[in-house]
Amino acid sequence: MKLIAAFLLLTLSLSAQNLELTPNGFAPVEIPRPDKRFDQIQDQIKYWLGDYNRNNEYGYDVYDVTESSLKIDASKDNAFYYQNKGETFQHRIKYTLAVEIKDQVIVYKFSVKEIYAKKVLTNLTVAKFFTSEGKLKSDYLEVKPSLERTANDILNSFEVYMALLK
């Protein structure tokens, strides 16, 4: 089973879509929908969620559940960093995954809901990392690649679990 999961992870990482951070956040992506019933897919999503967050001290919430959609709030430690005057600042995020199960695809929408410095909620938002012209501010050059890496790691893990359902 581990060999199959490793193969799927390698295959998906070579062909996976990449989430790209913009001043408006991340655009939704579509992944292939397993040929299973809605409830089986939702069960697999919840199984992935528990496994992916097994060491997450902040837990997670599943809400707005319908037959074909659900939302998830969870946290990710060290989700991104930036350097300022030689000091590195690591931040935890609370993110929302909005998942919509359609006939042929699963629409996956990742968004950053809150940003924390250790356990303290900050007033930072994704939009504050960018200028009004949509360019990344010079103080936050490391934010974009590090936050994209986090978002894509979560997406890739999700895709592997969905592929295992086939």
N, C-alpha and C. Protein backbone atom coordinates (compact mmCIF):
# COMPACT_ATOMS: atom_id res chain seq x y z
N MET A 1 0.82 -1.19 0.00
CA MET A 1 0.00 0.00 0.00
C MET A 1 0.87 1.26 0.00
N LYS A 2 1.96 1.24 0.80
CA LYS A 2 2.84 2.41 0.83
C LYS A 2 3.51 2.62 -0.52
N LEU A 3 3.83 1.54 -1.21
CA LEU A 3 4.44 1.65 -2.53
C LEU A 3 3.47 2.29 -3.52
N ILE A 4 2.21 1.89 -3.45
CA ILE A 4 1.18 2.47 -4.33
C ILE A 4 1.02 3.96 -4.03
N ALA A 5 0.96 4.30 -2.74
CA ALA A 5 0.81 5.71 -2.37
C ALA A 5 2.02 6.52 -2.82
N ALA A 6 3.22 5.97 -2.69
CA ALA A 6 4.43 6.67 -3.15
C ALA A 6 4.40 6.87 -4.65
N PHE A 7 3.97 5.84 -5.39
CA PHE A 7 3.86 5.97 -6.85
C PHE A 7 2.84 7.04 -7.23
N LEU A 8 1.69 7.01 -6.57
CA LEU A 8 0.66 8.02 -6.85
C LEU A 8 1.16 9.42 -6.54
N LEU A 9 1.87 9.56 -5.42
CA LEU A 9 2.39 10.87 -5.05
C LEU A 9 3.38 11.37 -6.09
N LEU A 10 4.26 10.50 -6.55
CA LEU A 10 5.23 10.87 -7.58
C LEU A 10 4.53 11.24 -8.87
N THR A 11 3.58 10.42 -9.29
CA THR A 11 2.84 10.68 -10.53
C THR A 11 2.07 11.99 -10.45
N LEU A 12 1.38 12.20 -9.35
CA LEU A 12 0.60 13.43 -9.20
C LEU A 12 1.50 14.65 -9.08
N SER A 13 2.64 14.51 -8.41
CA SER A 13 3.50 15.68 -8.26
C SER A 13 4.10 16.09 -9.60
N LEU A 14 4.27 15.14 -10.52
CA LEU A 14 4.80 15.48 -11.83
C LEU A 14 3.74 16.14 -12.71
N SER A 15 2.48 15.80 -12.48
CA SER A 15 1.41 16.33 -13.33
C SER A 15 0.48 17.28 -12.59
N ALA A 16 0.77 17.53 -11.34
CA ALA A 16 -0.15 18.29 -10.51
C ALA A 16 -0.25 19.75 -10.94
N GLN A 17 -1.42 20.29 -10.67
CA GLN A 17 -1.62 21.72 -10.86
C GLN A 17 -0.92 22.44 -9.71
N ASN A 18 -0.49 23.64 -9.97
CA ASN A 18 0.12 24.44 -8.92
C ASN A 18 -0.76 25.61 -8.57
N LEU A 19 -0.96 25.79 -7.28
CA LEU A 19 -1.66 26.96 -6.79
C LEU A 19 -0.69 28.13 -6.80
N GLU A 20 -1.13 29.27 -7.29
CA GLU A 20 -0.28 30.46 -7.34
C GLU A 20 -0.93 31.58 -6.55
N LEU A 21 -0.14 32.18 -5.66
CA LEU A 21 -0.62 33.26 -4.82
C LEU A 21 -0.71 34.57 -5.60
N THR A 22 -1.85 35.22 -5.51
CA THR A 22 -2.08 36.54 -6.11
C THR A 22 -2.60 37.46 -5.01
N PRO A 23 -2.74 38.75 -5.28
CA PRO A 23 -3.31 39.64 -4.26
C PRO A 23 -4.71 39.22 -3.81
N ASN A 24 -5.42 38.47 -4.65
CA ASN A 24 -6.76 37.99 -4.31
C ASN A 24 -6.75 36.60 -3.70
N GLY A 25 -5.58 36.05 -3.43
CA GLY A 25 -5.48 34.71 -2.87
C GLY A 25 -5.15 33.69 -3.94
N PHE A 26 -5.70 32.50 -3.80
CA PHE A 26 -5.45 31.39 -4.72
C PHE A 26 -6.69 31.12 -5.56
N ALA A 27 -6.50 30.88 -6.84
CA ALA A 27 -7.62 30.51 -7.71
C ALA A 27 -8.03 29.07 -7.43
N PRO A 28 -9.30 28.73 -7.61
CA PRO A 28 -9.73 27.34 -7.44
C PRO A 28 -9.10 26.45 -8.51
N VAL A 29 -8.92 25.19 -8.16
CA VAL A 29 -8.42 24.21 -9.13
C VAL A 29 -9.41 23.05 -9.18
N GLU A 30 -9.37 22.33 -10.29
CA GLU A 30 -10.22 21.15 -10.45
C GLU A 30 -9.33 19.92 -10.49
N ILE A 31 -9.74 18.91 -9.75
CA ILE A 31 -9.04 17.63 -9.80
C ILE A 31 -10.05 16.57 -10.23
N PRO A 32 -9.57 15.48 -10.82
CA PRO A 32 -10.50 14.44 -11.27
C PRO A 32 -11.32 13.88 -10.10
N ARG A 33 -12.58 13.66 -10.37
CA ARG A 33 -13.47 13.10 -9.35
C ARG A 33 -13.43 11.59 -9.43
N PRO A 34 -13.20 10.91 -8.30
CA PRO A 34 -13.29 9.46 -8.30
C PRO A 34 -14.70 9.02 -8.68
N ASP A 35 -14.81 7.88 -9.33
CA ASP A 35 -16.10 7.36 -9.76
C ASP A 35 -16.78 6.66 -8.58
N LYS A 36 -17.12 7.43 -7.59
CA LYS A 36 -17.76 6.93 -6.38
C LYS A 36 -18.94 7.83 -6.03
N ARG A 37 -19.77 7.35 -5.12
CA ARG A 37 -20.90 8.15 -4.66
C ARG A 37 -20.40 9.37 -3.87
N PHE A 38 -21.25 10.40 -3.79
CA PHE A 38 -20.90 11.61 -3.06
C PHE A 38 -20.49 11.30 -1.62
N ASP A 39 -21.27 10.44 -0.95
CA ASP A 39 -20.97 10.15 0.45
C ASP A 39 -19.64 9.43 0.61
N GLN A 40 -19.26 8.57 -0.35
CA GLN A 40 -17.97 7.90 -0.29
C GLN A 40 -16.83 8.90 -0.46
N ILE A 41 -17.02 9.86 -1.34
CA ILE A 41 -16.00 10.89 -1.55
C ILE A 41 -15.88 11.76 -0.30
N GLN A 42 -17.00 12.14 0.29
CA GLN A 42 -16.95 12.93 1.52
C GLN A 42 -16.28 12.16 2.65
N ASP A 43 -16.54 10.87 2.75
CA ASP A 43 -15.88 10.05 3.77
C ASP A 43 -14.37 10.04 3.54
N GLN A 44 -13.94 9.93 2.28
CA GLN A 44 -12.52 9.94 1.96
C GLN A 44 -11.89 11.29 2.30
N ILE A 45 -12.62 12.36 2.04
CA ILE A 45 -12.12 13.70 2.39
C ILE A 45 -11.93 13.80 3.90
N LYS A 46 -12.88 13.31 4.67
CA LYS A 46 -12.77 13.37 6.12
C LYS A 46 -11.65 12.46 6.63
N TYR A 47 -11.44 11.32 5.98
CA TYR A 47 -10.33 10.44 6.35
C TYR A 47 -9.01 11.16 6.09
N TRP A 48 -8.88 11.79 4.91
CA TRP A 48 -7.67 12.55 4.59
C TRP A 48 -7.45 13.65 5.63
N LEU A 49 -8.51 14.35 5.97
CA LEU A 49 -8.41 15.46 6.90
C LEU A 49 -7.87 15.01 8.26
N GLY A 50 -8.39 13.91 8.76
CA GLY A 50 -7.91 13.38 10.03
C GLY A 50 -6.46 12.94 9.96
N ASP A 51 -6.09 12.30 8.87
CA ASP A 51 -4.71 11.85 8.70
C ASP A 51 -3.77 13.03 8.52
N TYR A 52 -4.13 13.96 7.67
CA TYR A 52 -3.26 15.11 7.39
C TYR A 52 -3.07 15.98 8.64
N ASN A 53 -4.07 16.06 9.48
CA ASN A 53 -4.01 16.92 10.67
C ASN A 53 -3.78 16.16 11.97
N ARG A 54 -3.28 14.95 11.88
CA ARG A 54 -3.14 14.13 13.09
C ARG A 54 -2.24 14.76 14.15
N ASN A 55 -1.27 15.58 13.76
CA ASN A 55 -0.39 16.23 14.73
C ASN A 55 -0.68 17.72 14.90
N ASN A 56 -1.81 18.15 14.41
CA ASN A 56 -2.18 19.57 14.45
C ASN A 56 -2.82 19.88 15.80
N GLU A 57 -2.13 20.64 16.62
CA GLU A 57 -2.65 20.93 17.97
C GLU A 57 -3.88 21.82 17.96
N TYR A 58 -4.16 22.46 16.82
CA TYR A 58 -5.29 23.38 16.74
C TYR A 58 -6.56 22.73 16.19
N GLY A 59 -6.46 21.49 15.77
CA GLY A 59 -7.63 20.77 15.28
C GLY A 59 -8.12 21.30 13.94
N TYR A 60 -9.35 20.93 13.61
CA TYR A 60 -9.96 21.35 12.35
C TYR A 60 -11.47 21.29 12.51
N ASP A 61 -12.16 22.00 11.63
CA ASP A 61 -13.62 22.02 11.63
C ASP A 61 -14.12 21.70 10.24
N VAL A 62 -15.18 20.91 10.16
CA VAL A 62 -15.88 20.64 8.91
C VAL A 62 -17.27 21.24 9.07
N TYR A 63 -17.68 22.07 8.11
CA TYR A 63 -18.96 22.77 8.24
C TYR A 63 -19.56 23.04 6.87
N ASP A 64 -20.74 23.61 6.86
CA ASP A 64 -21.48 23.88 5.62
C ASP A 64 -21.52 22.64 4.72
N VAL A 65 -21.80 21.50 5.33
CA VAL A 65 -21.81 20.23 4.60
C VAL A 65 -23.15 20.07 3.89
N THR A 66 -23.08 19.84 2.59
CA THR A 66 -24.25 19.49 1.79
C THR A 66 -23.94 18.16 1.12
N GLU A 67 -24.85 17.69 0.30
CA GLU A 67 -24.60 16.43 -0.41
C GLU A 67 -23.39 16.53 -1.33
N SER A 68 -23.13 17.72 -1.87
CA SER A 68 -22.06 17.85 -2.86
C SER A 68 -20.98 18.86 -2.51
N SER A 69 -20.95 19.33 -1.26
CA SER A 69 -19.91 20.29 -0.90
C SER A 69 -19.67 20.29 0.60
N LEU A 70 -18.55 20.85 0.98
CA LEU A 70 -18.23 21.05 2.39
C LEU A 70 -17.10 22.06 2.49
N LYS A 71 -16.96 22.60 3.68
CA LYS A 71 -15.85 23.51 3.96
C LYS A 71 -15.08 22.97 5.15
N ILE A 72 -13.78 23.24 5.12
CA ILE A 72 -12.88 22.78 6.16
C ILE A 72 -12.05 23.97 6.62
N ASP A 73 -11.94 24.17 7.92
CA ASP A 73 -10.99 25.11 8.49
C ASP A 73 -9.95 24.31 9.25
N ALA A 74 -8.68 24.61 9.02
CA ALA A 74 -7.60 23.94 9.72
C ALA A 74 -6.43 24.92 9.81
N SER A 75 -5.43 24.55 10.60
CA SER A 75 -4.25 25.40 10.77
C SER A 75 -3.01 24.68 10.26
N LYS A 76 -2.03 25.48 9.87
CA LYS A 76 -0.74 24.93 9.43
C LYS A 76 0.37 25.76 10.06
N ASP A 77 1.17 25.11 10.91
CA ASP A 77 2.33 25.77 11.49
C ASP A 77 3.39 26.02 10.43
N ASN A 78 4.17 27.07 10.62
CA ASN A 78 5.27 27.40 9.70
C ASN A 78 4.81 27.38 8.25
N ALA A 79 3.67 27.95 8.00
CA ALA A 79 3.08 27.94 6.65
C ALA A 79 3.85 28.83 5.69
N PHE A 80 4.44 29.89 6.21
CA PHE A 80 5.26 30.76 5.37
C PHE A 80 6.19 31.56 6.27
N TYR A 81 7.17 32.17 5.63
CA TYR A 81 8.11 33.01 6.37
C TYR A 81 8.51 34.20 5.52
N TYR A 82 9.11 35.16 6.16
CA TYR A 82 9.79 36.27 5.48
C TYR A 82 10.91 36.74 6.39
N GLN A 83 11.85 37.45 5.80
CA GLN A 83 12.97 37.98 6.55
C GLN A 83 12.92 39.50 6.52
N ASN A 84 13.23 40.08 7.67
CA ASN A 84 13.26 41.53 7.78
C ASN A 84 14.42 41.91 8.68
N LYS A 85 15.34 42.70 8.15
CA LYS A 85 16.52 43.16 8.89
C LYS A 85 17.28 41.99 9.49
N GLY A 86 17.44 40.93 8.72
CA GLY A 86 18.21 39.77 9.15
C GLY A 86 17.48 38.79 10.04
N GLU A 87 16.26 39.10 10.43
CA GLU A 87 15.49 38.20 11.29
C GLU A 87 14.43 37.48 10.46
N THR A 88 14.27 36.19 10.73
CA THR A 88 13.28 35.38 10.02
C THR A 88 12.01 35.28 10.87
N PHE A 89 10.88 35.54 10.22
CA PHE A 89 9.58 35.46 10.88
C PHE A 89 8.77 34.33 10.27
N GLN A 90 8.43 33.33 11.09
CA GLN A 90 7.60 32.19 10.67
C GLN A 90 6.16 32.47 11.10
N HIS A 91 5.22 32.09 10.26
CA HIS A 91 3.82 32.33 10.59
C HIS A 91 2.98 31.07 10.40
N ARG A 92 2.00 30.95 11.29
CA ARG A 92 1.00 29.90 11.20
C ARG A 92 -0.21 30.51 10.51
N ILE A 93 -0.90 29.71 9.73
CA ILE A 93 -2.13 30.18 9.10
C ILE A 93 -3.30 29.31 9.52
N LYS A 94 -4.46 29.92 9.50
CA LYS A 94 -5.72 29.17 9.54
C LYS A 94 -6.26 29.29 8.12
N TYR A 95 -6.49 28.15 7.50
CA TYR A 95 -6.93 28.16 6.11
C TYR A 95 -8.30 27.52 5.98
N THR A 96 -8.96 27.85 4.89
CA THR A 96 -10.25 27.26 4.55
C THR A 96 -10.12 26.53 3.23
N LEU A 97 -10.61 25.31 3.20
CA LEU A 97 -10.75 24.55 1.96
C LEU A 97 -12.24 24.47 1.67
N ALA A 98 -12.63 25.01 0.55
CA ALA A 98 -14.01 24.86 0.09
C ALA A 98 -13.98 23.80 -1.00
N VAL A 99 -14.67 22.70 -0.77
CA VAL A 99 -14.64 21.56 -1.68
C VAL A 99 -16.03 21.36 -2.26
N GLU A 100 -16.10 21.35 -3.59
CA GLU A 100 -17.38 21.12 -4.27
C GLU A 100 -17.22 19.91 -5.18
N ILE A 101 -18.07 18.91 -4.97
CA ILE A 101 -18.01 17.67 -5.74
C ILE A 101 -18.99 17.79 -6.90
N LYS A 102 -18.45 17.81 -8.10
CA LYS A 102 -19.29 17.91 -9.31
C LYS A 102 -19.31 16.56 -10.01
N ASP A 103 -19.97 16.49 -11.16
CA ASP A 103 -20.10 15.22 -11.88
C ASP A 103 -18.75 14.62 -12.29
N GLN A 104 -17.86 15.44 -12.82
CA GLN A 104 -16.59 14.93 -13.35
C GLN A 104 -15.36 15.37 -12.55
N VAL A 105 -15.50 16.42 -11.76
CA VAL A 105 -14.34 16.98 -11.06
C VAL A 105 -14.70 17.35 -9.62
N ILE A 106 -13.67 17.56 -8.84
CA ILE A 106 -13.80 18.15 -7.51
C ILE A 106 -13.16 19.53 -7.60
N VAL A 107 -13.92 20.55 -7.27
CA VAL A 107 -13.38 21.92 -7.26
C VAL A 107 -12.83 22.17 -5.85
N TYR A 108 -11.56 22.54 -5.81
CA TYR A 108 -10.80 22.70 -4.58
C TYR A 108 -10.38 24.16 -4.48
N LYS A 109 -10.85 24.85 -3.44
CA LYS A 109 -10.53 26.27 -3.26
C LYS A 109 -9.84 26.45 -1.93
N PHE A 110 -8.58 26.86 -1.98
CA PHE A 110 -7.75 27.09 -0.79
C PHE A 110 -7.69 28.59 -0.52
N SER A 111 -7.97 28.99 0.71
CA SER A 111 -7.84 30.40 1.06
C SER A 111 -7.26 30.55 2.47
N VAL A 112 -6.51 31.61 2.66
CA VAL A 112 -5.92 31.92 3.96
C VAL A 112 -6.93 32.77 4.72
N LYS A 113 -7.38 32.25 5.84
CA LYS A 113 -8.41 32.93 6.64
C LYS A 113 -7.80 33.85 7.69
N GLU A 114 -6.77 33.36 8.37
CA GLU A 114 -6.11 34.12 9.44
C GLU A 114 -4.62 33.83 9.43
N ILE A 115 -3.84 34.80 9.90
CA ILE A 115 -2.39 34.65 9.98
C ILE A 115 -1.97 34.93 11.42
N TYR A 116 -1.16 34.03 11.98
CA TYR A 116 -0.72 34.12 13.36
C TYR A 116 0.80 34.22 13.44
N ALA A 117 1.27 34.99 14.42
CA ALA A 117 2.68 34.99 14.83
C ALA A 117 2.68 34.19 16.13
N LYS A 118 3.19 32.98 16.06
CA LYS A 118 3.08 32.02 17.15
C LYS A 118 1.59 31.80 17.43
N LYS A 119 1.10 32.17 18.60
CA LYS A 119 -0.32 31.95 18.91
C LYS A 119 -1.13 33.25 18.88
N VAL A 120 -0.52 34.31 18.38
CA VAL A 120 -1.18 35.62 18.38
C VAL A 120 -1.69 35.94 16.98
N LEU A 121 -2.98 36.23 16.89
CA LEU A 121 -3.58 36.62 15.62
C LEU A 121 -3.02 37.96 15.19
N THR A 122 -2.55 38.05 13.94
CA THR A 122 -2.01 39.31 13.42
C THR A 122 -3.08 40.00 12.57
N ASN A 123 -2.75 41.20 12.11
CA ASN A 123 -3.66 41.89 11.19
C ASN A 123 -3.22 41.71 9.74
N LEU A 124 -2.28 40.79 9.51
CA LEU A 124 -1.82 40.51 8.15
C LEU A 124 -2.90 39.80 7.34
N THR A 125 -2.95 40.12 6.07
CA THR A 125 -3.79 39.41 5.11
C THR A 125 -2.95 39.18 3.87
N VAL A 126 -3.37 38.29 3.02
CA VAL A 126 -2.65 38.04 1.77
C VAL A 126 -2.52 39.33 0.96
N ALA A 127 -3.56 40.12 0.91
CA ALA A 127 -3.53 41.37 0.13
C ALA A 127 -2.45 42.32 0.62
N LYS A 128 -2.11 42.29 1.91
CA LYS A 128 -1.10 43.21 2.45
C LYS A 128 0.32 42.88 1.99
N PHE A 129 0.51 41.71 1.40
CA PHE A 129 1.84 41.35 0.88
C PHE A 129 2.11 41.97 -0.49
N PHE A 130 1.09 42.57 -1.08
CA PHE A 130 1.17 43.09 -2.44
C PHE A 130 0.93 44.59 -2.47
N THR A 131 1.50 45.24 -3.49
CA THR A 131 1.23 46.66 -3.71
C THR A 131 -0.13 46.80 -4.37
N SER A 132 -0.59 48.03 -4.49
CA SER A 132 -1.88 48.27 -5.15
C SER A 132 -1.84 47.90 -6.63
N GLU A 133 -0.62 47.81 -7.20
CA GLU A 133 -0.47 47.38 -8.60
C GLU A 133 -0.38 45.86 -8.74
N GLY A 134 -0.45 45.15 -7.61
CA GLY A 134 -0.41 43.69 -7.66
C GLY A 134 0.98 43.09 -7.60
N LYS A 135 1.99 43.90 -7.33
CA LYS A 135 3.37 43.41 -7.21
C LYS A 135 3.66 43.05 -5.76
N LEU A 136 4.49 42.04 -5.57
CA LEU A 136 4.88 41.63 -4.22
C LEU A 136 5.73 42.72 -3.59
N LYS A 137 5.41 43.10 -2.36
CA LYS A 137 6.20 44.12 -1.65
C LYS A 137 7.58 43.56 -1.32
N SER A 138 8.58 44.42 -1.33
CA SER A 138 9.97 43.98 -1.13
C SER A 138 10.20 43.37 0.25
N ASP A 139 9.43 43.76 1.26
CA ASP A 139 9.59 43.18 2.60
C ASP A 139 9.07 41.74 2.68
N TYR A 140 8.33 41.30 1.67
CA TYR A 140 7.67 39.99 1.73
C TYR A 140 8.05 39.07 0.57
N LEU A 141 9.26 39.19 0.07
CA LEU A 141 9.67 38.40 -1.10
C LEU A 141 9.60 36.89 -0.85
N GLU A 142 9.87 36.46 0.37
CA GLU A 142 9.87 35.02 0.68
C GLU A 142 8.46 34.48 0.91
N VAL A 143 7.50 35.36 1.14
CA VAL A 143 6.14 34.92 1.46
C VAL A 143 5.53 34.11 0.33
N LYS A 144 5.59 34.65 -0.88
CA LYS A 144 4.92 34.01 -2.02
C LYS A 144 5.41 32.57 -2.24
N PRO A 145 6.72 32.33 -2.41
CA PRO A 145 7.13 30.94 -2.65
C PRO A 145 6.90 30.02 -1.45
N SER A 146 7.06 30.53 -0.23
CA SER A 146 6.88 29.65 0.93
C SER A 146 5.40 29.34 1.17
N LEU A 147 4.52 30.31 0.98
CA LEU A 147 3.08 30.04 1.14
C LEU A 147 2.55 29.19 0.00
N GLU A 148 3.05 29.40 -1.21
CA GLU A 148 2.66 28.54 -2.34
C GLU A 148 3.09 27.10 -2.10
N ARG A 149 4.28 26.91 -1.54
CA ARG A 149 4.76 25.55 -1.24
C ARG A 149 3.81 24.87 -0.24
N THR A 150 3.41 25.59 0.80
CA THR A 150 2.48 25.04 1.78
C THR A 150 1.14 24.70 1.14
N ALA A 151 0.57 25.63 0.38
CA ALA A 151 -0.73 25.40 -0.26
C ALA A 151 -0.66 24.22 -1.22
N ASN A 152 0.43 24.10 -1.97
CA ASN A 152 0.57 23.00 -2.92
C ASN A 152 0.83 21.67 -2.23
N ASP A 153 1.53 21.68 -1.10
CA ASP A 153 1.71 20.44 -0.34
C ASP A 153 0.37 19.92 0.15
N ILE A 154 -0.49 20.81 0.62
CA ILE A 154 -1.82 20.40 1.08
C ILE A 154 -2.64 19.88 -0.09
N LEU A 155 -2.62 20.60 -1.21
CA LEU A 155 -3.35 20.16 -2.41
C LEU A 155 -2.86 18.79 -2.89
N ASN A 156 -1.54 18.60 -2.95
CA ASN A 156 -1.00 17.32 -3.43
C ASN A 156 -1.40 16.17 -2.52
N SER A 157 -1.38 16.40 -1.22
CA SER A 157 -1.82 15.37 -0.28
C SER A 157 -3.29 15.03 -0.50
N PHE A 158 -4.11 16.04 -0.69
CA PHE A 158 -5.53 15.85 -0.96
C PHE A 158 -5.73 15.05 -2.25
N GLU A 159 -4.99 15.40 -3.30
CA GLU A 159 -5.11 14.70 -4.58
C GLU A 159 -4.74 13.23 -4.46
N VAL A 160 -3.71 12.93 -3.69
CA VAL A 160 -3.31 11.53 -3.50
C VAL A 160 -4.43 10.74 -2.84
N TYR A 161 -5.03 11.30 -1.81
CA TYR A 161 -6.14 10.60 -1.14
C TYR A 161 -7.33 10.40 -2.06
N MET A 162 -7.62 11.37 -2.89
CA MET A 162 -8.73 11.22 -3.83
C MET A 162 -8.39 10.16 -4.88
N ALA A 163 -7.15 10.10 -5.32
CA ALA A 163 -6.74 9.10 -6.30
C ALA A 163 -6.80 7.68 -5.71
N LEU A 164 -6.57 7.55 -4.42
CA LEU A 164 -6.64 6.24 -3.77
C LEU A 164 -8.06 5.68 -3.74
N LEU A 165 -9.04 6.55 -3.90
CA LEU A 165 -10.45 6.13 -3.85
C LEU A 165 -10.90 5.45 -5.13
N LYS A 166 -10.16 5.58 -6.20
CA LYS A 166 -10.57 5.03 -7.50
C LYS A 166 -10.56 3.56 -7.53
